[in-house]
Protein backbone atom coordinates (compact mmCIF):
# COMPACT_ATOMS: atom_id res chain seq x y z
CA UNK A 1 6.66 6.49 0.59
CA UNK A 2 9.73 6.18 -1.61
CA UNK A 3 10.10 3.45 -4.20
CA UNK A 4 12.89 0.94 -3.61
CA UNK A 5 15.43 0.03 -6.29
CA UNK A 6 18.82 -1.59 -5.87
CA UNK A 7 21.70 -0.64 -8.15
CA UNK A 8 25.15 -1.96 -9.06
CA UNK A 9 28.19 0.20 -9.78
CA UNK A 10 31.40 -1.09 -11.38
CA UNK A 11 34.34 0.39 -9.48
CA UNK A 12 36.45 2.60 -11.75
CA UNK A 13 33.79 2.87 -14.47
CA UNK A 14 31.44 5.70 -15.36
CA UNK A 15 28.01 5.12 -13.78
CA UNK A 16 24.65 6.43 -14.98
CA UNK A 17 21.11 5.38 -14.17
CA UNK A 18 17.78 6.97 -15.14
CA UNK A 19 14.99 7.15 -12.58
CA UNK A 20 11.43 7.91 -13.64
CA UNK A 21 9.53 9.73 -10.89
CA UNK A 22 5.83 8.86 -10.83
CA UNK A 23 2.87 10.29 -8.95
CA UNK A 24 0.49 8.32 -6.70
CA UNK A 25 -1.51 7.23 -9.78
CA UNK A 26 1.55 5.85 -11.58
CA UNK A 27 1.78 8.73 -14.05
CA UNK A 28 5.07 10.45 -14.85
CA UNK A 29 5.60 13.34 -12.44
CA UNK A 30 6.08 16.78 -13.96
CA UNK A 31 9.40 18.01 -12.53
CA UNK A 32 9.07 21.57 -13.85
CA UNK A 33 10.39 23.89 -11.14
CA UNK A 34 11.94 21.05 -9.13
CA UNK A 35 15.54 20.25 -8.29
CA UNK A 36 16.96 16.84 -7.41
CA UNK A 37 19.68 15.62 -5.04
CA UNK A 38 21.04 12.12 -4.49
CA UNK A 39 23.59 10.76 -2.07
CA UNK A 40 25.12 7.45 -1.10
CA UNK A 41 26.72 6.32 2.14
CA UNK A 42 28.11 3.17 3.72
CA UNK A 43 25.21 3.15 6.15
CA UNK A 44 22.16 5.20 7.06
CA UNK A 45 23.92 6.78 10.04
CA UNK A 46 27.43 6.74 8.55
CA UNK A 47 29.28 10.03 8.65
CA UNK A 48 32.55 8.75 7.14
CA UNK A 49 31.63 7.90 3.57
CA UNK A 50 29.02 10.21 2.08
CA UNK A 51 29.09 10.92 -1.64
CA UNK A 52 26.83 13.29 -3.53
CA UNK A 53 25.77 11.87 -6.87
CA UNK A 54 25.33 14.12 -9.88
CA UNK A 55 21.64 14.55 -10.72
CA UNK A 56 20.13 15.93 -13.91
CA UNK A 57 16.44 16.42 -14.63
CA UNK A 58 15.60 15.64 -18.26
CA UNK A 59 15.50 18.61 -20.64
CA UNK A 60 11.76 17.88 -20.86
CA UNK A 61 10.83 17.84 -17.15
CA UNK A 62 7.36 16.49 -17.95
CA UNK A 63 8.96 13.06 -18.56
CA UNK A 64 9.72 12.74 -14.83
CA UNK A 65 13.21 11.41 -15.61
CA UNK A 66 16.17 12.15 -13.34
CA UNK A 67 19.61 10.83 -14.26
CA UNK A 68 21.96 9.81 -11.45
CA UNK A 69 25.64 9.63 -12.30
CA UNK A 70 29.20 9.31 -11.01
CA UNK A 71 32.35 9.66 -13.09
CA UNK A 72 35.06 6.99 -13.23
CA UNK A 73 37.27 8.81 -10.71
CA UNK A 74 34.39 8.95 -8.22
CA UNK A 75 33.56 5.24 -8.57
CA UNK A 76 37.25 4.29 -8.32
CA UNK A 77 37.33 6.03 -4.92
CA UNK A 78 34.45 3.89 -3.61
CA UNK A 79 35.20 0.75 -1.62
CA UNK A 80 33.96 -2.48 -3.18
CA UNK A 81 31.14 -2.99 -0.71
CA UNK A 82 27.46 -2.24 -0.12
CA UNK A 83 26.13 1.32 0.20
CA UNK A 84 22.70 2.86 0.75
CA UNK A 85 21.39 5.71 -1.39
CA UNK A 86 18.39 7.95 -1.89
CA UNK A 87 17.06 10.51 -4.36
CA UNK A 88 15.05 13.50 -3.22
CA UNK A 89 13.24 16.16 -5.22
CA UNK A 90 12.61 19.69 -3.95
CA UNK A 91 9.85 21.99 -5.14
CA UNK A 92 10.43 25.71 -5.68
CA UNK A 93 8.48 26.22 -2.43
CA UNK A 94 10.96 24.09 -0.48
CA UNK A 95 8.94 20.88 -0.09
CA UNK A 96 11.30 17.88 -0.12
CA UNK A 97 10.14 14.40 -1.15
CA UNK A 98 12.23 11.23 -1.13
CA UNK A 99 11.25 9.43 -4.34
CA UNK A 100 13.57 6.43 -4.41
CA UNK A 101 15.98 4.62 -2.11
CA UNK A 102 17.84 1.36 -1.97
CA UNK A 103 21.15 -0.43 -1.89
CA UNK A 104 24.12 0.01 -4.19
CA UNK A 105 26.61 -2.82 -4.57
CA UNK A 106 30.02 -1.67 -5.82
CA UNK A 107 31.77 -4.44 -7.75
CA UNK A 108 35.58 -4.33 -7.55
CA UNK A 109 37.83 -3.59 -10.47
CA UNK A 110 41.01 -5.54 -11.18
CA UNK A 111 44.03 -3.94 -9.50
CA UNK A 112 47.29 -3.55 -11.36
């Protein structure tokens, strides 16, 4: 079962958040040979607003750290509302595991 964590993004600002993947015993998961993907959407079944987040596994994959990020242009294009997101890791053998999910609240920027 995936962990749950809610995030906040400031519209129009660069966003970055580190996620530490842990195994069933609470130890950092060795991500050697894994890839990661993350996406956000306005709703679980929404097909209109789906955004792929940039994911980067730490240069030392034994730390279990995956960084999620969006650039300022990407966050500016988001509506100031609530989204859902998840992060999945995939093994070299093709096994996919959802490791974290939750809500993202996008806070509006001041319009000019």
